[in-house]
Amino acid sequence: MQSIRYVFWQDEDMWLGYLEDYPDYMTQGTSLQDLEEHLRDLHHDLTSGVIPCVRRRAELQVA
């Protein structure tokens, strides 16, 4: 089973978050568990080609 890192926070009654590799794409849920389900769906959409022109985050070694 693959795992991915995500960033999340609670804003009043909603939980918001995004996948670390895709910081431009946020989602939300009514609970942390609901947010995690939305993040799984978002990951599927981002990696399957459903969303075109996906911007990603990477690290470059320069020295």
PDB file of N, CA and C in Angstrom:
ATOM      1  N   MET A   1       0.839  -1.175   0.000  1.00  0.00           N
ATOM      2  CA  MET A   1       0.000   0.000   0.000  1.00  0.00           C
ATOM      3  C   MET A   1       0.888   1.243   0.000  1.00  0.00           C
ATOM      4  N   GLN A   2       0.577   2.170  -0.857  1.00  0.00           N
ATOM      5  CA  GLN A   2       1.326   3.419  -0.991  1.00  0.00           C
ATOM      6  C   GLN A   2       0.797   4.438   0.014  1.00  0.00           C
ATOM      7  N   SER A   3       1.686   5.246   0.542  1.00  0.00           N
ATOM      8  CA  SER A   3       1.247   6.353   1.397  1.00  0.00           C
ATOM      9  C   SER A   3       1.791   7.659   0.829  1.00  0.00           C
ATOM     10  N   ILE A   4       1.035   8.729   1.045  1.00  0.00           N
ATOM     11  CA  ILE A   4       1.441  10.049   0.582  1.00  0.00           C
ATOM     12  C   ILE A   4       1.241  11.033   1.724  1.00  0.00           C
ATOM     13  N   ARG A   5       2.043  12.063   1.737  1.00  0.00           N
ATOM     14  CA  ARG A   5       1.966  13.069   2.797  1.00  0.00           C
ATOM     15  C   ARG A   5       0.996  14.166   2.398  1.00  0.00           C
ATOM     16  N   TYR A   6       0.311  14.705   3.402  1.00  0.00           N
ATOM     17  CA  TYR A   6      -0.604  15.817   3.147  1.00  0.00           C
ATOM     18  C   TYR A   6      -0.558  16.809   4.293  1.00  0.00           C
ATOM     19  N   VAL A   7      -0.986  18.020   4.006  1.00  0.00           N
ATOM     20  CA  VAL A   7      -1.049  19.115   4.972  1.00  0.00           C
ATOM     21  C   VAL A   7      -2.525  19.381   5.220  1.00  0.00           C
ATOM     22  N   PHE A   8      -2.895  19.588   6.493  1.00  0.00           N
ATOM     23  CA  PHE A   8      -4.302  19.841   6.787  1.00  0.00           C
ATOM     24  C   PHE A   8      -4.456  20.780   7.968  1.00  0.00           C
ATOM     25  N   TRP A   9      -5.625  21.395   8.067  1.00  0.00           N
ATOM     26  CA  TRP A   9      -5.962  22.264   9.194  1.00  0.00           C
ATOM     27  C   TRP A   9      -7.477  22.363   9.286  1.00  0.00           C
ATOM     28  N   GLN A  10      -7.937  22.775  10.453  1.00  0.00           N
ATOM     29  CA  GLN A  10      -9.369  22.962  10.659  1.00  0.00           C
ATOM     30  C   GLN A  10      -9.678  24.455  10.664  1.00  0.00           C
ATOM     31  N   ASP A  11     -10.711  24.841   9.921  1.00  0.00           N
ATOM     32  CA  ASP A  11     -11.172  26.229   9.861  1.00  0.00           C
ATOM     33  C   ASP A  11     -12.660  26.207  10.206  1.00  0.00           C
ATOM     34  N   GLU A  12     -12.957  26.577  11.434  1.00  0.00           N
ATOM     35  CA  GLU A  12     -14.315  26.495  11.972  1.00  0.00           C
ATOM     36  C   GLU A  12     -14.806  25.055  11.858  1.00  0.00           C
ATOM     37  N   ASP A  13     -15.880  24.802  11.104  1.00  0.00           N
ATOM     38  CA  ASP A  13     -16.442  23.449  11.024  1.00  0.00           C
ATOM     39  C   ASP A  13     -15.857  22.599   9.903  1.00  0.00           C
ATOM     40  N   MET A  14     -14.976  23.159   9.085  1.00  0.00           N
ATOM     41  CA  MET A  14     -14.448  22.424   7.935  1.00  0.00           C
ATOM     42  C   MET A  14     -12.982  22.054   8.135  1.00  0.00           C
ATOM     43  N   TRP A  15     -12.603  20.938   7.548  1.00  0.00           N
ATOM     44  CA  TRP A  15     -11.217  20.495   7.500  1.00  0.00           C
ATOM     45  C   TRP A  15     -10.721  20.727   6.079  1.00  0.00           C
ATOM     46  N   LEU A  16      -9.587  21.393   5.933  1.00  0.00           N
ATOM     47  CA  LEU A  16      -9.013  21.714   4.626  1.00  0.00           C
ATOM     48  C   LEU A  16      -7.646  21.054   4.505  1.00  0.00           C
ATOM     49  N   GLY A  17      -7.254  20.727   3.280  1.00  0.00           N
ATOM     50  CA  GLY A  17      -5.948  20.119   3.110  1.00  0.00           C
ATOM     51  C   GLY A  17      -5.545  19.986   1.654  1.00  0.00           C
ATOM     52  N   TYR A  18      -4.271  19.621   1.474  1.00  0.00           N
ATOM     53  CA  TYR A  18      -3.740  19.381   0.132  1.00  0.00           C
ATOM     54  C   TYR A  18      -2.628  18.347   0.232  1.00  0.00           C
ATOM     55  N   LEU A  19      -2.341  17.709  -0.878  1.00  0.00           N
ATOM     56  CA  LEU A  19      -1.265  16.719  -0.961  1.00  0.00           C
ATOM     57  C   LEU A  19       0.058  17.466  -1.119  1.00  0.00           C
ATOM     58  N   GLU A  20       1.086  17.077  -0.386  1.00  0.00           N
ATOM     59  CA  GLU A  20       2.366  17.797  -0.445  1.00  0.00           C
ATOM     60  C   GLU A  20       2.937  17.861  -1.855  1.00  0.00           C
ATOM     61  N   ASP A  21       2.768  16.814  -2.648  1.00  0.00           N
ATOM     62  CA  ASP A  21       3.306  16.817  -4.012  1.00  0.00           C
ATOM     63  C   ASP A  21       2.493  17.679  -4.970  1.00  0.00           C
ATOM     64  N   TYR A  22       1.298  18.067  -4.563  1.00  0.00           N
ATOM     65  CA  TYR A  22       0.396  18.857  -5.417  1.00  0.00           C
ATOM     66  C   TYR A  22      -0.189  20.016  -4.608  1.00  0.00           C
ATOM     67  N   PRO A  23       0.621  20.982  -4.208  1.00  0.00           N
ATOM     68  CA  PRO A  23       0.144  22.040  -3.300  1.00  0.00           C
ATOM     69  C   PRO A  23      -0.871  22.997  -3.922  1.00  0.00           C
ATOM     70  N   ASP A  24      -1.030  22.985  -5.232  1.00  0.00           N
ATOM     71  CA  ASP A  24      -1.984  23.887  -5.884  1.00  0.00           C
ATOM     72  C   ASP A  24      -3.421  23.373  -5.831  1.00  0.00           C
ATOM     73  N   TYR A  25      -3.618  22.150  -5.364  1.00  0.00           N
ATOM     74  CA  TYR A  25      -4.941  21.522  -5.418  1.00  0.00           C
ATOM     75  C   TYR A  25      -5.420  21.196  -4.005  1.00  0.00           C
ATOM     76  N   MET A  26      -6.321  22.031  -3.505  1.00  0.00           N
ATOM     77  CA  MET A  26      -6.858  21.844  -2.156  1.00  0.00           C
ATOM     78  C   MET A  26      -8.216  21.170  -2.209  1.00  0.00           C
ATOM     79  N   THR A  27      -8.598  20.543  -1.089  1.00  0.00           N
ATOM     80  CA  THR A  27      -9.927  19.982  -0.947  1.00  0.00           C
ATOM     81  C   THR A  27     -10.365  20.180   0.498  1.00  0.00           C
ATOM     82  N   GLN A  28     -11.590  19.791   0.810  1.00  0.00           N
ATOM     83  CA  GLN A  28     -12.113  19.997   2.158  1.00  0.00           C
ATOM     84  C   GLN A  28     -13.031  18.856   2.546  1.00  0.00           C
ATOM     85  N   GLY A  29     -13.296  18.757   3.842  1.00  0.00           N
ATOM     86  CA  GLY A  29     -14.207  17.744   4.354  1.00  0.00           C
ATOM     87  C   GLY A  29     -14.868  18.217   5.623  1.00  0.00           C
ATOM     88  N   THR A  30     -15.920  17.520   6.009  1.00  0.00           N
ATOM     89  CA  THR A  30     -16.648  17.883   7.226  1.00  0.00           C
ATOM     90  C   THR A  30     -16.013  17.290   8.473  1.00  0.00           C
ATOM     91  N   SER A  31     -15.092  16.351   8.288  1.00  0.00           N
ATOM     92  CA  SER A  31     -14.324  15.742   9.384  1.00  0.00           C
ATOM     93  C   SER A  31     -12.954  15.375   8.814  1.00  0.00           C
ATOM     94  N   LEU A  32     -12.031  15.025   9.685  1.00  0.00           N
ATOM     95  CA  LEU A  32     -10.705  14.625   9.202  1.00  0.00           C
ATOM     96  C   LEU A  32     -10.819  13.374   8.337  1.00  0.00           C
ATOM     97  N   GLN A  33     -11.655  12.442   8.730  1.00  0.00           N
ATOM     98  CA  GLN A  33     -11.854  11.221   7.945  1.00  0.00           C
ATOM     99  C   GLN A  33     -12.451  11.539   6.569  1.00  0.00           C
ATOM    100  N   ASP A  34     -13.415  12.457   6.517  1.00  0.00           N
ATOM    101  CA  ASP A  34     -14.002  12.879   5.256  1.00  0.00           C
ATOM    102  C   ASP A  34     -12.964  13.575   4.382  1.00  0.00           C
ATOM    103  N   LEU A  35     -12.134  14.425   4.987  1.00  0.00           N
ATOM    104  CA  LEU A  35     -11.060  15.090   4.241  1.00  0.00           C
ATOM    105  C   LEU A  35     -10.116  14.062   3.635  1.00  0.00           C
ATOM    106  N   GLU A  36      -9.735  13.045   4.393  1.00  0.00           N
ATOM    107  CA  GLU A  36      -8.821  12.026   3.875  1.00  0.00           C
ATOM    108  C   GLU A  36      -9.428  11.297   2.685  1.00  0.00           C
ATOM    109  N   GLU A  37     -10.720  11.043   2.714  1.00  0.00           N
ATOM    110  CA  GLU A  37     -11.385  10.405   1.572  1.00  0.00           C
ATOM    111  C   GLU A  37     -11.342  11.317   0.341  1.00  0.00           C
ATOM    112  N   HIS A  38     -11.578  12.609   0.543  1.00  0.00           N
ATOM    113  CA  HIS A  38     -11.494  13.563  -0.565  1.00  0.00           C
ATOM    114  C   HIS A  38     -10.059  13.664  -1.097  1.00  0.00           C
ATOM    115  N   LEU A  39      -9.082  13.587  -0.209  1.00  0.00           N
ATOM    116  CA  LEU A  39      -7.683  13.617  -0.650  1.00  0.00           C
ATOM    117  C   LEU A  39      -7.347  12.380  -1.479  1.00  0.00           C
ATOM    118  N   ARG A  40      -7.879  11.216  -1.097  1.00  0.00           N
ATOM    119  CA  ARG A  40      -7.665  10.007  -1.902  1.00  0.00           C
ATOM    120  C   ARG A  40      -8.267  10.178  -3.300  1.00  0.00           C
ATOM    121  N   ASP A  41      -9.487  10.715  -3.351  1.00  0.00           N
ATOM    122  CA  ASP A  41     -10.125  10.966  -4.649  1.00  0.00           C
ATOM    123  C   ASP A  41      -9.314  11.959  -5.475  1.00  0.00           C
ATOM    124  N   LEU A  42      -8.832  13.017  -4.833  1.00  0.00           N
ATOM    125  CA  LEU A  42      -8.034  14.020  -5.518  1.00  0.00           C
ATOM    126  C   LEU A  42      -6.748  13.399  -6.062  1.00  0.00           C
ATOM    127  N   HIS A  43      -6.087  12.575  -5.267  1.00  0.00           N
ATOM    128  CA  HIS A  43      -4.865  11.912  -5.718  1.00  0.00           C
ATOM    129  C   HIS A  43      -5.143  11.056  -6.949  1.00  0.00           C
ATOM    130  N   HIS A  44      -6.226  10.330  -6.923  1.00  0.00           N
ATOM    131  CA  HIS A  44      -6.588   9.510  -8.080  1.00  0.00           C
ATOM    132  C   HIS A  44      -6.789  10.385  -9.314  1.00  0.00           C
ATOM    133  N   ASP A  45      -7.533  11.469  -9.168  1.00  0.00           N
ATOM    134  CA  ASP A  45      -7.790  12.364 -10.300  1.00  0.00           C
ATOM    135  C   ASP A  45      -6.502  12.994 -10.828  1.00  0.00           C
ATOM    136  N   LEU A  46      -5.610  13.380  -9.937  1.00  0.00           N
ATOM    137  CA  LEU A  46      -4.357  14.027 -10.346  1.00  0.00           C
ATOM    138  C   LEU A  46      -3.407  13.057 -11.040  1.00  0.00           C
ATOM    139  N   THR A  47      -3.388  11.819 -10.624  1.00  0.00           N
ATOM    140  CA  THR A  47      -2.435  10.853 -11.179  1.00  0.00           C
ATOM    141  C   THR A  47      -2.998  10.053 -12.348  1.00  0.00           C
ATOM    142  N   SER A  48      -4.300  10.103 -12.575  1.00  0.00           N
ATOM    143  CA  SER A  48      -4.895   9.320 -13.660  1.00  0.00           C
ATOM    144  C   SER A  48      -5.072  10.117 -14.947  1.00  0.00           C
ATOM    145  N   GLY A  49      -4.827  11.416 -14.905  1.00  0.00           N
ATOM    146  CA  GLY A  49      -4.983  12.234 -16.093  1.00  0.00           C
ATOM    147  C   GLY A  49      -6.340  12.894 -16.225  1.00  0.00           C
ATOM    148  N   VAL A  50      -7.218  12.714 -15.252  1.00  0.00           N
ATOM    149  CA  VAL A  50      -8.545  13.340 -15.291  1.00  0.00           C
ATOM    150  C   VAL A  50      -8.412  14.861 -15.260  1.00  0.00           C
ATOM    151  N   ILE A  51      -7.449  15.364 -14.500  1.00  0.00           N
ATOM    152  CA  ILE A  51      -7.191  16.800 -14.416  1.00  0.00           C
ATOM    153  C   ILE A  51      -6.003  17.116 -15.332  1.00  0.00           C
ATOM    154  N   PRO A  52      -6.202  17.945 -16.354  1.00  0.00           N
ATOM    155  CA  PRO A  52      -5.113  18.247 -17.291  1.00  0.00           C
ATOM    156  C   PRO A  52      -4.121  19.266 -16.717  1.00  0.00           C
ATOM    157  N   CYS A  53      -2.919  19.242 -17.238  1.00  0.00           N
ATOM    158  CA  CYS A  53      -1.882  20.234 -16.917  1.00  0.00           C
ATOM    159  C   CYS A  53      -1.601  20.322 -15.419  1.00  0.00           C
ATOM    160  N   VAL A  54      -1.408  19.205 -14.770  1.00  0.00           N
ATOM    161  CA  VAL A  54      -1.181  19.164 -13.325  1.00  0.00           C
ATOM    162  C   VAL A  54       0.195  19.722 -13.003  1.00  0.00           C
ATOM    163  N   ARG A  55       0.234  20.666 -12.073  1.00  0.00           N
ATOM    164  CA  ARG A  55       1.507  21.219 -11.592  1.00  0.00           C
ATOM    165  C   ARG A  55       1.950  20.398 -10.396  1.00  0.00           C
ATOM    166  N   ARG A  56       3.240  20.067 -10.355  1.00  0.00           N
ATOM    167  CA  ARG A  56       3.790  19.243  -9.283  1.00  0.00           C
ATOM    168  C   ARG A  56       4.900  19.979  -8.565  1.00  0.00           C
ATOM    169  N   ARG A  57       5.264  19.465  -7.429  1.00  0.00           N
ATOM    170  CA  ARG A  57       6.367  20.002  -6.641  1.00  0.00           C
ATOM    171  C   ARG A  57       7.514  19.002  -6.694  1.00  0.00           C
ATOM    172  N   ALA A  58       8.757  19.495  -6.801  1.00  0.00           N
ATOM    173  CA  ALA A  58       9.931  18.623  -6.849  1.00  0.00           C
ATOM    174  C   ALA A  58      11.099  19.328  -6.165  1.00  0.00           C
ATOM    175  N   GLU A  59      12.182  18.592  -6.002  1.00  0.00           N
ATOM    176  CA  GLU A  59      13.388  19.140  -5.392  1.00  0.00           C
ATOM    177  C   GLU A  59      14.543  18.931  -6.367  1.00  0.00           C
ATOM    178  N   LEU A  60      15.348  19.962  -6.541  1.00  0.00           N
ATOM    179  CA  LEU A  60      16.463  19.926  -7.481  1.00  0.00           C
ATOM    180  C   LEU A  60      17.779  20.038  -6.723  1.00  0.00           C
ATOM    181  N   GLN A  61      18.719  19.127  -6.954  1.00  0.00           N
ATOM    182  CA  GLN A  61      20.040  19.192  -6.382  1.00  0.00           C
ATOM    183  C   GLN A  61      20.904  20.078  -7.268  1.00  0.00           C
ATOM    184  N   VAL A  62      21.546  21.106  -6.698  1.00  0.00           N
ATOM    185  CA  VAL A  62      22.322  22.032  -7.522  1.00  0.00           C
ATOM    186  C   VAL A  62      23.815  22.041  -7.221  1.00  0.00           C
ATOM    187  N   ALA A  63      24.237  21.451  -6.151  1.00  0.00           N
ATOM    188  CA  ALA A  63      25.681  21.451  -5.883  1.00  0.00           C
ATOM    189  C   ALA A  63      26.138  20.152  -5.284  1.00  0.00           C
TER     190      ALA A  63
END
